[in-house]
Amino acid sequence: APGEEREFVAAVSWSGGSTHYADSVKGRF
């Protein structure tokens, strides 16, 4: 967002499919 640092939202591995979400988006994204 303007004036803010870039923050992590979510990630997935192409092969294994492991996922990780930021607490702020869990259950929504």
PDB file of all heavy atoms in Angstrom:
ATOM      1  N   ALA A   1       0.844  -1.178   0.000  1.00  0.00           N
ATOM      2  CA  ALA A   1       0.000   0.000   0.000  1.00  0.00           C
ATOM      3  C   ALA A   1       0.888   1.239   0.000  1.00  0.00           C
ATOM      4  O   ALA A   1       2.042   1.182   0.426  1.00  0.00           O
ATOM      5  CB  ALA A   1      -0.914  -0.007   1.220  1.00  0.00           C
ATOM      6  N   PRO A   2       0.368   2.382  -0.466  1.00  0.00           N
ATOM      7  CA  PRO A   2       1.173   3.606  -0.497  1.00  0.00           C
ATOM      8  C   PRO A   2       1.754   3.942   0.870  1.00  0.00           C
ATOM      9  O   PRO A   2       1.047   3.931   1.874  1.00  0.00           O
ATOM     10  CB  PRO A   2       0.175   4.668  -0.956  1.00  0.00           C
ATOM     11  CG  PRO A   2      -0.824   3.912  -1.762  1.00  0.00           C
ATOM     12  CD  PRO A   2      -0.970   2.597  -1.050  1.00  0.00           C
ATOM     13  N   GLY A   3       3.046   4.231   0.900  1.00  0.00           N
ATOM     14  CA  GLY A   3       3.705   4.602   2.136  1.00  0.00           C
ATOM     15  C   GLY A   3       4.026   3.457   3.059  1.00  0.00           C
ATOM     16  O   GLY A   3       4.536   3.686   4.163  1.00  0.00           O
ATOM     17  N   GLU A   4       3.747   2.242   2.649  1.00  0.00           N
ATOM     18  CA  GLU A   4       4.004   1.082   3.486  1.00  0.00           C
ATOM     19  C   GLU A   4       4.997   0.144   2.812  1.00  0.00           C
ATOM     20  O   GLU A   4       5.218   0.209   1.611  1.00  0.00           O
ATOM     21  CB  GLU A   4       2.707   0.333   3.791  1.00  0.00           C
ATOM     22  CG  GLU A   4       1.667   1.160   4.529  1.00  0.00           C
ATOM     23  CD  GLU A   4       0.421   0.376   4.862  1.00  0.00           C
ATOM     24  OE1 GLU A   4       0.399  -0.850   4.633  1.00  0.00           O
ATOM     25  OE2 GLU A   4      -0.547   0.985   5.358  1.00  0.00           O
ATOM     26  N   GLU A   5       5.588  -0.723   3.616  1.00  0.00           N
ATOM     27  CA  GLU A   5       6.510  -1.715   3.086  1.00  0.00           C
ATOM     28  C   GLU A   5       5.741  -2.854   2.431  1.00  0.00           C
ATOM     29  O   GLU A   5       4.590  -3.130   2.773  1.00  0.00           O
ATOM     30  CB  GLU A   5       7.404  -2.258   4.197  1.00  0.00           C
ATOM     31  CG  GLU A   5       8.345  -1.236   4.801  1.00  0.00           C
ATOM     32  CD  GLU A   5       9.271  -1.842   5.830  1.00  0.00           C
ATOM     33  OE1 GLU A   5       9.037  -3.005   6.233  1.00  0.00           O
ATOM     34  OE2 GLU A   5      10.232  -1.172   6.224  1.00  0.00           O
ATOM     35  N   ARG A   6       6.391  -3.494   1.496  1.00  0.00           N
ATOM     36  CA  ARG A   6       5.794  -4.655   0.856  1.00  0.00           C
ATOM     37  C   ARG A   6       5.698  -5.793   1.868  1.00  0.00           C
ATOM     38  O   ARG A   6       6.657  -6.088   2.583  1.00  0.00           O
ATOM     39  CB  ARG A   6       6.639  -5.072  -0.344  1.00  0.00           C
ATOM     40  CG  ARG A   6       5.977  -6.086  -1.256  1.00  0.00           C
ATOM     41  CD  ARG A   6       6.730  -6.184  -2.578  1.00  0.00           C
ATOM     42  NE  ARG A   6       6.748  -4.902  -3.274  1.00  0.00           N
ATOM     43  CZ  ARG A   6       7.289  -4.719  -4.472  1.00  0.00           C
ATOM     44  NH1 ARG A   6       7.855  -5.735  -5.107  1.00  0.00           N
ATOM     45  NH2 ARG A   6       7.280  -3.523  -5.033  1.00  0.00           N
ATOM     46  N   GLU A   7       4.537  -6.429   1.926  1.00  0.00           N
ATOM     47  CA  GLU A   7       4.327  -7.475   2.910  1.00  0.00           C
ATOM     48  C   GLU A   7       3.905  -8.784   2.257  1.00  0.00           C
ATOM     49  O   GLU A   7       3.259  -8.813   1.214  1.00  0.00           O
ATOM     50  CB  GLU A   7       3.280  -7.054   3.946  1.00  0.00           C
ATOM     51  CG  GLU A   7       1.880  -6.876   3.389  1.00  0.00           C
ATOM     52  CD  GLU A   7       0.835  -6.614   4.468  1.00  0.00           C
ATOM     53  OE1 GLU A   7       1.116  -6.866   5.658  1.00  0.00           O
ATOM     54  OE2 GLU A   7      -0.268  -6.155   4.118  1.00  0.00           O
ATOM     55  N   PHE A   8       4.263  -9.854   2.919  1.00  0.00           N
ATOM     56  CA  PHE A   8       3.917 -11.189   2.475  1.00  0.00           C
ATOM     57  C   PHE A   8       2.433 -11.448   2.642  1.00  0.00           C
ATOM     58  O   PHE A   8       1.830 -11.061   3.647  1.00  0.00           O
ATOM     59  CB  PHE A   8       4.723 -12.216   3.275  1.00  0.00           C
ATOM     60  CG  PHE A   8       4.303 -13.634   3.052  1.00  0.00           C
ATOM     61  CD1 PHE A   8       4.727 -14.330   1.934  1.00  0.00           C
ATOM     62  CD2 PHE A   8       3.488 -14.279   3.959  1.00  0.00           C
ATOM     63  CE1 PHE A   8       4.346 -15.641   1.720  1.00  0.00           C
ATOM     64  CE2 PHE A   8       3.098 -15.590   3.763  1.00  0.00           C
ATOM     65  CZ  PHE A   8       3.527 -16.272   2.644  1.00  0.00           C
ATOM     66  N   VAL A   9       1.837 -12.128   1.659  1.00  0.00           N
ATOM     67  CA  VAL A   9       0.426 -12.488   1.718  1.00  0.00           C
ATOM     68  C   VAL A   9       0.247 -14.001   1.756  1.00  0.00           C
ATOM     69  O   VAL A   9      -0.396 -14.542   2.653  1.00  0.00           O
ATOM     70  CB  VAL A   9      -0.357 -11.908   0.528  1.00  0.00           C
ATOM     71  CG1 VAL A   9      -1.810 -12.375   0.565  1.00  0.00           C
ATOM     72  CG2 VAL A   9      -0.284 -10.386   0.531  1.00  0.00           C
ATOM     73  N   ALA A  10       0.799 -14.691   0.774  1.00  0.00           N
ATOM     74  CA  ALA A  10       0.649 -16.138   0.688  1.00  0.00           C
ATOM     75  C   ALA A  10       1.703 -16.698  -0.239  1.00  0.00           C
ATOM     76  O   ALA A  10       2.259 -15.987  -1.076  1.00  0.00           O
ATOM     77  CB  ALA A  10      -0.752 -16.521   0.187  1.00  0.00           C
ATOM     78  N   ALA A  11       1.980 -17.999  -0.119  1.00  0.00           N
ATOM     79  CA  ALA A  11       2.951 -18.644  -0.986  1.00  0.00           C
ATOM     80  C   ALA A  11       2.604 -20.107  -1.156  1.00  0.00           C
ATOM     81  O   ALA A  11       1.957 -20.715  -0.302  1.00  0.00           O
ATOM     82  CB  ALA A  11       4.365 -18.501  -0.420  1.00  0.00           C
ATOM     83  N   VAL A  12       3.042 -20.665  -2.268  1.00  0.00           N
ATOM     84  CA  VAL A  12       2.839 -22.077  -2.564  1.00  0.00           C
ATOM     85  C   VAL A  12       4.053 -22.590  -3.322  1.00  0.00           C
ATOM     86  O   VAL A  12       4.656 -21.861  -4.110  1.00  0.00           O
ATOM     87  CB  VAL A  12       1.542 -22.301  -3.381  1.00  0.00           C
ATOM     88  CG1 VAL A  12       1.636 -21.621  -4.746  1.00  0.00           C
ATOM     89  CG2 VAL A  12       1.247 -23.781  -3.545  1.00  0.00           C
ATOM     90  N   SER A  13       4.413 -23.846  -3.079  1.00  0.00           N
ATOM     91  CA  SER A  13       5.481 -24.468  -3.846  1.00  0.00           C
ATOM     92  C   SER A  13       4.892 -25.138  -5.072  1.00  0.00           C
ATOM     93  O   SER A  13       3.824 -25.757  -5.002  1.00  0.00           O
ATOM     94  CB  SER A  13       6.242 -25.489  -2.994  1.00  0.00           C
ATOM     95  OG  SER A  13       5.393 -26.549  -2.579  1.00  0.00           O
ATOM     96  N   TRP A  14       5.558 -24.989  -6.212  1.00  0.00           N
ATOM     97  CA  TRP A  14       5.058 -25.566  -7.455  1.00  0.00           C
ATOM     98  C   TRP A  14       4.933 -27.076  -7.371  1.00  0.00           C
ATOM     99  O   TRP A  14       3.953 -27.657  -7.842  1.00  0.00           O
ATOM    100  CB  TRP A  14       5.971 -25.195  -8.623  1.00  0.00           C
ATOM    101  CG  TRP A  14       5.831 -23.801  -9.095  1.00  0.00           C
ATOM    102  CD1 TRP A  14       6.624 -22.739  -8.784  1.00  0.00           C
ATOM    103  CD2 TRP A  14       4.829 -23.300  -9.988  1.00  0.00           C
ATOM    104  NE1 TRP A  14       6.182 -21.603  -9.417  1.00  0.00           N
ATOM    105  CE2 TRP A  14       5.079 -21.921 -10.173  1.00  0.00           C
ATOM    106  CE3 TRP A  14       3.745 -23.884 -10.650  1.00  0.00           C
ATOM    107  CZ2 TRP A  14       4.285 -21.127 -10.993  1.00  0.00           C
ATOM    108  CZ3 TRP A  14       2.955 -23.078 -11.456  1.00  0.00           C
ATOM    109  CH2 TRP A  14       3.232 -21.721 -11.619  1.00  0.00           C
ATOM    110  N   SER A  15       5.918 -27.718  -6.800  1.00  0.00           N
ATOM    111  CA  SER A  15       5.956 -29.174  -6.794  1.00  0.00           C
ATOM    112  C   SER A  15       5.206 -29.796  -5.624  1.00  0.00           C
ATOM    113  O   SER A  15       4.301 -30.608  -5.812  1.00  0.00           O
ATOM    114  CB  SER A  15       7.406 -29.655  -6.799  1.00  0.00           C
ATOM    115  OG  SER A  15       8.135 -29.119  -5.701  1.00  0.00           O
ATOM    116  N   GLY A  16       5.573 -29.423  -4.414  1.00  0.00           N
ATOM    117  CA  GLY A  16       4.980 -30.058  -3.250  1.00  0.00           C
ATOM    118  C   GLY A  16       3.603 -29.550  -2.861  1.00  0.00           C
ATOM    119  O   GLY A  16       2.845 -30.256  -2.199  1.00  0.00           O
ATOM    120  N   GLY A  17       3.275 -28.320  -3.263  1.00  0.00           N
ATOM    121  CA  GLY A  17       1.974 -27.767  -2.944  1.00  0.00           C
ATOM    122  C   GLY A  17       1.847 -27.200  -1.545  1.00  0.00           C
ATOM    123  O   GLY A  17       0.742 -26.837  -1.126  1.00  0.00           O
ATOM    124  N   SER A  18       2.940 -27.114  -0.818  1.00  0.00           N
ATOM    125  CA  SER A  18       2.891 -26.536   0.516  1.00  0.00           C
ATOM    126  C   SER A  18       2.475 -25.078   0.438  1.00  0.00           C
ATOM    127  O   SER A  18       2.921 -24.342  -0.442  1.00  0.00           O
ATOM    128  CB  SER A  18       4.252 -26.652   1.201  1.00  0.00           C
ATOM    129  OG  SER A  18       4.640 -28.005   1.336  1.00  0.00           O
ATOM    130  N   THR A  19       1.634 -24.661   1.364  1.00  0.00           N
ATOM    131  CA  THR A  19       1.137 -23.287   1.376  1.00  0.00           C
ATOM    132  C   THR A  19       1.395 -22.624   2.715  1.00  0.00           C
ATOM    133  O   THR A  19       1.538 -23.290   3.746  1.00  0.00           O
ATOM    134  CB  THR A  19      -0.364 -23.224   1.070  1.00  0.00           C
ATOM    135  OG1 THR A  19      -1.088 -23.979   2.055  1.00  0.00           O
ATOM    136  CG2 THR A  19      -0.665 -23.796  -0.307  1.00  0.00           C
ATOM    137  N   HIS A  20       1.435 -21.309   2.691  1.00  0.00           N
ATOM    138  CA  HIS A  20       1.603 -20.521   3.892  1.00  0.00           C
ATOM    139  C   HIS A  20       0.886 -19.193   3.687  1.00  0.00           C
ATOM    140  O   HIS A  20       0.959 -18.609   2.605  1.00  0.00           O
ATOM    141  CB  HIS A  20       3.087 -20.286   4.190  1.00  0.00           C
ATOM    142  CG  HIS A  20       3.336 -19.530   5.450  1.00  0.00           C
ATOM    143  ND1 HIS A  20       3.120 -20.077   6.689  1.00  0.00           N
ATOM    144  CD2 HIS A  20       3.774 -18.258   5.670  1.00  0.00           C
ATOM    145  CE1 HIS A  20       3.416 -19.187   7.617  1.00  0.00           C
ATOM    146  NE2 HIS A  20       3.808 -18.081   7.025  1.00  0.00           N
ATOM    147  N   TYR A  21       0.199 -18.721   4.722  1.00  0.00           N
ATOM    148  CA  TYR A  21      -0.575 -17.497   4.630  1.00  0.00           C
ATOM    149  C   TYR A  21      -0.231 -16.547   5.753  1.00  0.00           C
ATOM    150  O   TYR A  21       0.064 -16.964   6.875  1.00  0.00           O
ATOM    151  CB  TYR A  21      -2.075 -17.799   4.709  1.00  0.00           C
ATOM    152  CG  TYR A  21      -2.609 -18.646   3.583  1.00  0.00           C
ATOM    153  CD1 TYR A  21      -2.648 -20.031   3.685  1.00  0.00           C
ATOM    154  CD2 TYR A  21      -3.082 -18.057   2.419  1.00  0.00           C
ATOM    155  CE1 TYR A  21      -3.141 -20.811   2.654  1.00  0.00           C
ATOM    156  CE2 TYR A  21      -3.578 -18.830   1.382  1.00  0.00           C
ATOM    157  CZ  TYR A  21      -3.610 -20.198   1.503  1.00  0.00           C
ATOM    158  OH  TYR A  21      -4.103 -20.965   0.474  1.00  0.00           O
ATOM    159  N   ALA A  22      -0.294 -15.271   5.438  1.00  0.00           N
ATOM    160  CA  ALA A  22      -0.201 -14.270   6.483  1.00  0.00           C
ATOM    161  C   ALA A  22      -1.441 -14.366   7.368  1.00  0.00           C
ATOM    162  O   ALA A  22      -2.528 -14.694   6.901  1.00  0.00           O
ATOM    163  CB  ALA A  22      -0.095 -12.875   5.871  1.00  0.00           C
ATOM    164  N   ASP A  23      -1.270 -14.068   8.642  1.00  0.00           N
ATOM    165  CA  ASP A  23      -2.391 -14.153   9.575  1.00  0.00           C
ATOM    166  C   ASP A  23      -3.560 -13.262   9.141  1.00  0.00           C
ATOM    167  O   ASP A  23      -4.724 -13.601   9.368  1.00  0.00           O
ATOM    168  CB  ASP A  23      -1.946 -13.765  10.982  1.00  0.00           C
ATOM    169  CG  ASP A  23      -1.053 -14.807  11.623  1.00  0.00           C
ATOM    170  OD1 ASP A  23      -1.055 -15.971  11.159  1.00  0.00           O
ATOM    171  OD2 ASP A  23      -0.349 -14.470  12.593  1.00  0.00           O
ATOM    172  N   SER A  24      -3.268 -12.157   8.507  1.00  0.00           N
ATOM    173  CA  SER A  24      -4.293 -11.205   8.133  1.00  0.00           C
ATOM    174  C   SER A  24      -5.235 -11.708   7.042  1.00  0.00           C
ATOM    175  O   SER A  24      -6.318 -11.147   6.860  1.00  0.00           O
ATOM    176  CB  SER A  24      -3.654  -9.885   7.683  1.00  0.00           C
ATOM    177  OG  SER A  24      -2.806 -10.091   6.572  1.00  0.00           O
ATOM    178  N   VAL A  25      -4.837 -12.755   6.318  1.00  0.00           N
ATOM    179  CA  VAL A  25      -5.659 -13.241   5.213  1.00  0.00           C
ATOM    180  C   VAL A  25      -6.116 -14.678   5.393  1.00  0.00           C
ATOM    181  O   VAL A  25      -6.861 -15.191   4.550  1.00  0.00           O
ATOM    182  CB  VAL A  25      -4.931 -13.100   3.863  1.00  0.00           C
ATOM    183  CG1 VAL A  25      -4.491 -11.661   3.643  1.00  0.00           C
ATOM    184  CG2 VAL A  25      -3.739 -14.051   3.774  1.00  0.00           C
ATOM    185  N   LYS A  26      -5.704 -15.330   6.459  1.00  0.00           N
ATOM    186  CA  LYS A  26      -6.100 -16.719   6.690  1.00  0.00           C
ATOM    187  C   LYS A  26      -7.619 -16.844   6.743  1.00  0.00           C
ATOM    188  O   LYS A  26      -8.297 -16.056   7.390  1.00  0.00           O
ATOM    189  CB  LYS A  26      -5.489 -17.245   7.983  1.00  0.00           C
ATOM    190  CG  LYS A  26      -4.009 -17.549   7.896  1.00  0.00           C
ATOM    191  CD  LYS A  26      -3.486 -18.111   9.211  1.00  0.00           C
ATOM    192  CE  LYS A  26      -2.011 -18.455   9.114  1.00  0.00           C
ATOM    193  NZ  LYS A  26      -1.479 -18.965  10.402  1.00  0.00           N
ATOM    194  N   GLY A  27      -8.137 -17.834   6.042  1.00  0.00           N
ATOM    195  CA  GLY A  27      -9.562 -18.059   6.001  1.00  0.00           C
ATOM    196  C   GLY A  27     -10.282 -17.254   4.951  1.00  0.00           C
ATOM    197  O   GLY A  27     -11.461 -17.507   4.681  1.00  0.00           O
ATOM    198  N   ARG A  28      -9.608 -16.282   4.349  1.00  0.00           N
ATOM    199  CA  ARG A  28     -10.218 -15.441   3.324  1.00  0.00           C
ATOM    200  C   ARG A  28      -9.563 -15.614   1.959  1.00  0.00           C
ATOM    201  O   ARG A  28     -10.239 -15.555   0.935  1.00  0.00           O
ATOM    202  CB  ARG A  28     -10.146 -13.969   3.732  1.00  0.00           C
ATOM    203  CG  ARG A  28     -10.871 -13.652   5.034  1.00  0.00           C
ATOM    204  CD  ARG A  28     -10.956 -12.146   5.274  1.00  0.00           C
ATOM    205  NE  ARG A  28      -9.638 -11.530   5.397  1.00  0.00           N
ATOM    206  CZ  ARG A  28      -9.170 -10.592   4.588  1.00  0.00           C
ATOM    207  NH1 ARG A  28      -9.926 -10.143   3.581  1.00  0.00           N
ATOM    208  NH2 ARG A  28      -7.961 -10.072   4.773  1.00  0.00           N
ATOM    209  N   PHE A  29      -8.254 -15.797   1.947  1.00  0.00           N
ATOM    210  CA  PHE A  29      -7.504 -15.938   0.699  1.00  0.00           C
ATOM    211  C   PHE A  29      -7.079 -17.387   0.517  1.00  0.00           C
ATOM    212  O   PHE A  29      -6.766 -18.087   1.489  1.00  0.00           O
ATOM    213  CB  PHE A  29      -6.249 -15.069   0.703  1.00  0.00           C
ATOM    214  CG  PHE A  29      -6.501 -13.583   0.638  1.00  0.00           C
ATOM    215  CD1 PHE A  29      -7.770 -13.049   0.801  1.00  0.00           C
ATOM    216  CD2 PHE A  29      -5.440 -12.722   0.413  1.00  0.00           C
ATOM    217  CE1 PHE A  29      -7.989 -11.684   0.745  1.00  0.00           C
ATOM    218  CE2 PHE A  29      -5.644 -11.350   0.355  1.00  0.00           C
ATOM    219  CZ  PHE A  29      -6.916 -10.833   0.520  1.00  0.00           C
TER     220      PHE A  29
END
